[in-house]
Amino acid sequence: MPKQRDVQAQRELLSNATWQVLAEDGLPGLTLRAVAERAGCTTGLVMHAFPTKKALLLHARDLLYERTAVRADAAEAASAGAFGALEAVLGQAVDLPHGHHEESRVWVGFLAAALADDALAERHRAANHSFLARIRRLVAACRPEWPDERLELTTKSLVGLVEGLNVLAAADPAAYPARLQLDALAQALAELGPVS
């Protein structure tokens, strides 16, 4: 029986290889063979961890969520006050200023694939609902006097803005440069008004 450390090391190796394939070749290029080649291992080892391409896809979607959640946690923890945390979490989610181009491309690929795959769609919705819950919590901390309807609208508007900027910048970075993205976010956050 392999040691736990070996299993974890193999999983990390395969996760990194999966991410590299996705970032460079997109979802159409994600095959068990491509991951094995990138990891420098046999297809059998990949199949031992991920018996089907679907299992590999679901793992890759979870990996994307974990990467973005860790970054959002760090941005929130490093911020002073609710507004600073909201600004930091949304700011790190905007693509170009932070160089997360490959994550945006991978996210767009998963979104497209989720339209025709119930399991991927469920993973996508779960990750999106988690991000919405985080942003709603932060908006509510900034504006505890706002009614639920306004909190909901503001939350979904802010998330729609940063996700939309990610998608558009992934396909056309020249039209959505860093300054424009940050200015659009600042303008949207200004709607919250002065926060005490």
Protein backbone atom coordinates (compact mmCIF):
# COMPACT_ATOMS: atom_id res chain seq x y z
CA MET A 1 0.00 0.00 0.00
CA PRO A 2 1.51 3.39 -0.94
CA LYS A 3 2.39 5.79 1.84
CA GLN A 4 -0.04 8.68 2.38
CA ARG A 5 2.71 11.15 1.46
CA ASP A 6 3.25 9.39 -1.88
CA VAL A 7 -0.48 9.49 -2.66
CA GLN A 8 -0.61 13.20 -1.83
CA ALA A 9 2.52 13.91 -3.88
CA GLN A 10 1.06 12.02 -6.86
CA ARG A 11 -2.22 13.91 -6.55
CA GLU A 12 -0.37 17.25 -6.49
CA LEU A 13 1.70 16.21 -9.50
CA LEU A 14 -1.44 15.26 -11.42
CA SER A 15 -3.28 18.39 -10.28
CA ASN A 16 -0.45 20.62 -11.50
CA ALA A 17 -0.30 18.74 -14.80
CA THR A 18 -4.08 19.02 -15.20
CA TRP A 19 -3.90 22.75 -14.60
CA GLN A 20 -1.09 23.20 -17.13
CA VAL A 21 -3.01 21.30 -19.79
CA LEU A 22 -6.16 23.32 -19.14
CA ALA A 23 -4.32 26.64 -19.18
CA GLU A 24 -2.51 25.89 -22.42
CA ASP A 25 -4.94 23.69 -24.36
CA GLY A 26 -8.34 24.40 -22.78
CA LEU A 27 -10.98 21.83 -22.02
CA PRO A 28 -10.81 20.21 -25.47
CA GLY A 29 -7.14 19.40 -24.83
CA LEU A 30 -7.74 17.88 -21.40
CA THR A 31 -7.23 14.16 -21.88
CA LEU A 32 -5.83 11.48 -19.62
CA ARG A 33 -2.93 11.09 -22.06
CA ALA A 34 -2.16 14.85 -22.10
CA VAL A 35 -2.12 14.95 -18.29
CA ALA A 36 0.15 11.89 -18.17
CA GLU A 37 2.56 13.45 -20.66
CA ARG A 38 2.65 16.72 -18.74
CA ALA A 39 3.15 14.89 -15.41
CA GLY A 40 5.83 12.62 -16.87
CA CYS A 41 3.97 9.48 -15.81
CA THR A 42 1.92 6.71 -17.33
CA THR A 43 -1.71 6.99 -18.35
CA GLY A 44 -2.30 4.15 -15.89
CA LEU A 45 -1.21 6.33 -12.97
CA VAL A 46 -3.59 9.08 -14.10
CA MET A 47 -6.40 6.53 -14.46
CA HIS A 48 -5.68 5.21 -10.98
CA ALA A 49 -6.43 8.67 -9.54
CA PHE A 50 -9.06 9.65 -12.12
CA PRO A 51 -10.67 6.62 -13.76
CA THR A 52 -12.55 8.69 -16.35
CA LYS A 53 -12.17 12.00 -18.15
CA LYS A 54 -15.27 13.17 -16.25
CA ALA A 55 -13.54 12.51 -12.93
CA LEU A 56 -10.55 14.48 -14.17
CA LEU A 57 -12.80 17.37 -15.26
CA LEU A 58 -14.59 17.46 -11.91
CA HIS A 59 -11.26 17.45 -10.10
CA ALA A 60 -10.01 20.28 -12.30
CA ARG A 61 -13.15 22.32 -11.54
CA ASP A 62 -12.62 21.77 -7.82
CA LEU A 63 -8.98 22.78 -8.21
CA LEU A 64 -10.02 26.07 -9.83
CA TYR A 65 -12.43 26.77 -6.97
CA GLU A 66 -9.77 25.96 -4.35
CA ARG A 67 -7.22 28.28 -5.97
CA THR A 68 -9.61 31.21 -6.14
CA ALA A 69 -11.02 30.61 -2.64
CA VAL A 70 -7.55 30.58 -1.08
CA ARG A 71 -6.73 33.88 -2.78
CA ALA A 72 -10.05 35.43 -1.67
CA ASP A 73 -9.48 34.24 1.91
CA ALA A 74 -6.04 35.85 1.92
CA ALA A 75 -7.34 39.12 0.47
CA GLU A 76 -10.12 39.29 3.05
CA ALA A 77 -7.85 38.40 5.97
CA ALA A 78 -5.30 41.07 5.02
CA SER A 79 -7.89 43.85 4.89
CA ALA A 80 -8.93 46.39 7.48
CA GLY A 81 -12.68 46.68 7.86
CA ALA A 82 -15.59 45.37 5.82
CA PHE A 83 -15.24 47.82 2.94
CA GLY A 84 -11.52 47.14 2.61
CA ALA A 85 -12.22 43.40 2.58
CA LEU A 86 -14.96 43.81 -0.04
CA GLU A 87 -12.69 45.93 -2.21
CA ALA A 88 -9.79 43.50 -1.82
CA VAL A 89 -11.80 40.36 -2.53
CA LEU A 90 -13.43 41.86 -5.61
CA GLY A 91 -10.14 43.43 -6.68
CA GLN A 92 -8.29 40.13 -6.64
CA ALA A 93 -11.12 38.59 -8.65
CA VAL A 94 -10.59 41.05 -11.52
CA ASP A 95 -8.20 39.37 -13.89
CA LEU A 96 -5.74 41.68 -15.62
CA PRO A 97 -4.28 43.63 -12.71
CA HIS A 98 -3.33 40.36 -11.04
CA GLY A 99 -2.23 38.23 -13.99
CA HIS A 100 -4.77 35.43 -13.57
CA HIS A 101 -5.31 35.15 -17.32
CA GLU A 102 -5.08 31.37 -17.36
CA GLU A 103 -7.63 31.04 -14.56
CA SER A 104 -10.05 33.21 -16.52
CA ARG A 105 -9.60 31.12 -19.65
CA VAL A 106 -10.11 27.92 -17.67
CA TRP A 107 -13.19 29.39 -15.95
CA VAL A 108 -14.72 30.36 -19.31
CA GLY A 109 -14.07 26.85 -20.61
CA PHE A 110 -15.78 25.30 -17.61
CA LEU A 111 -18.72 27.65 -17.92
CA ALA A 112 -19.20 26.66 -21.56
CA ALA A 113 -18.89 22.95 -20.73
CA ALA A 114 -21.32 23.30 -17.82
CA LEU A 115 -24.09 24.29 -20.22
CA ALA A 116 -24.19 20.71 -21.49
CA ASP A 117 -23.07 18.77 -18.40
CA ASP A 118 -25.18 18.57 -15.26
CA ALA A 119 -22.34 17.53 -12.95
CA LEU A 120 -20.10 20.39 -14.11
CA ALA A 121 -23.05 22.78 -13.91
CA GLU A 122 -23.66 21.77 -10.30
CA ARG A 123 -19.98 22.34 -9.42
CA HIS A 124 -20.09 25.71 -11.17
CA ARG A 125 -23.24 26.76 -9.30
CA ALA A 126 -21.81 25.66 -5.95
CA ALA A 127 -18.64 27.71 -6.47
CA ASN A 128 -20.64 30.71 -7.68
CA HIS A 129 -23.02 30.52 -4.71
CA SER A 130 -20.05 30.41 -2.36
CA PHE A 131 -18.58 33.56 -3.92
CA LEU A 132 -21.99 35.26 -3.85
CA ALA A 133 -22.36 34.40 -0.16
CA ARG A 134 -18.95 35.89 0.63
CA ILE A 135 -19.69 39.12 -1.25
CA ARG A 136 -23.18 39.41 0.26
CA ARG A 137 -21.72 38.97 3.76
CA LEU A 138 -19.21 41.75 3.09
CA VAL A 139 -21.80 44.08 1.51
CA ALA A 140 -24.10 43.48 4.51
CA ALA A 141 -21.23 44.29 6.87
CA CYS A 142 -20.71 47.58 5.00
CA ARG A 143 -24.43 48.39 4.86
CA PRO A 144 -26.26 46.55 7.66
CA GLU A 145 -29.22 48.94 7.30
CA TRP A 146 -29.94 47.89 3.71
CA PRO A 147 -32.94 45.63 3.08
CA ASP A 148 -32.43 42.14 1.67
CA GLU A 149 -33.51 43.17 -1.83
CA ARG A 150 -30.86 45.87 -2.06
CA LEU A 151 -28.18 43.59 -0.63
CA GLU A 152 -29.10 40.95 -3.22
CA LEU A 153 -29.04 43.39 -6.14
CA THR A 154 -25.75 44.98 -5.08
CA THR A 155 -24.12 41.59 -4.48
CA LYS A 156 -25.13 40.15 -7.84
CA SER A 157 -24.25 43.38 -9.65
CA LEU A 158 -20.73 43.38 -8.17
CA VAL A 159 -20.16 39.69 -8.87
CA GLY A 160 -21.57 40.08 -12.39
CA LEU A 161 -19.20 42.98 -12.99
CA VAL A 162 -16.01 41.18 -11.95
CA GLU A 163 -16.98 37.90 -13.63
CA GLY A 164 -17.93 39.78 -16.80
CA LEU A 165 -14.65 41.68 -16.82
CA ASN A 166 -12.82 38.37 -16.43
CA VAL A 167 -14.60 36.81 -19.38
CA LEU A 168 -14.23 39.82 -21.65
CA ALA A 169 -10.59 40.45 -20.71
CA ALA A 170 -9.72 36.79 -21.29
CA ALA A 171 -10.88 37.10 -24.89
CA ASP A 172 -9.88 40.73 -25.57
CA PRO A 173 -7.33 42.05 -23.06
CA ALA A 174 -6.54 45.16 -25.13
CA ALA A 175 -10.15 46.36 -24.82
CA TYR A 176 -10.23 45.71 -21.05
CA PRO A 177 -6.88 46.91 -19.69
CA ALA A 178 -6.07 46.85 -15.99
CA ARG A 179 -6.88 50.53 -15.43
CA LEU A 180 -10.35 50.18 -16.97
CA GLN A 181 -11.12 47.12 -14.86
CA LEU A 182 -10.05 48.82 -11.64
CA ASP A 183 -11.91 52.01 -12.52
CA ALA A 184 -15.10 50.05 -13.28
CA LEU A 185 -14.83 48.27 -9.94
CA ALA A 186 -14.15 51.54 -8.08
CA GLN A 187 -17.18 53.13 -9.69
CA ALA A 188 -19.40 50.19 -8.73
CA LEU A 189 -18.11 50.24 -5.14
CA ALA A 190 -18.77 53.98 -4.91
CA GLU A 191 -22.49 53.13 -5.02
CA LEU A 192 -22.09 51.82 -1.48
CA GLY A 193 -21.50 55.43 -0.44
CA PRO A 194 -19.31 56.54 2.43
CA VAL A 195 -18.84 53.68 4.85
CA SER A 196 -18.22 54.56 8.47
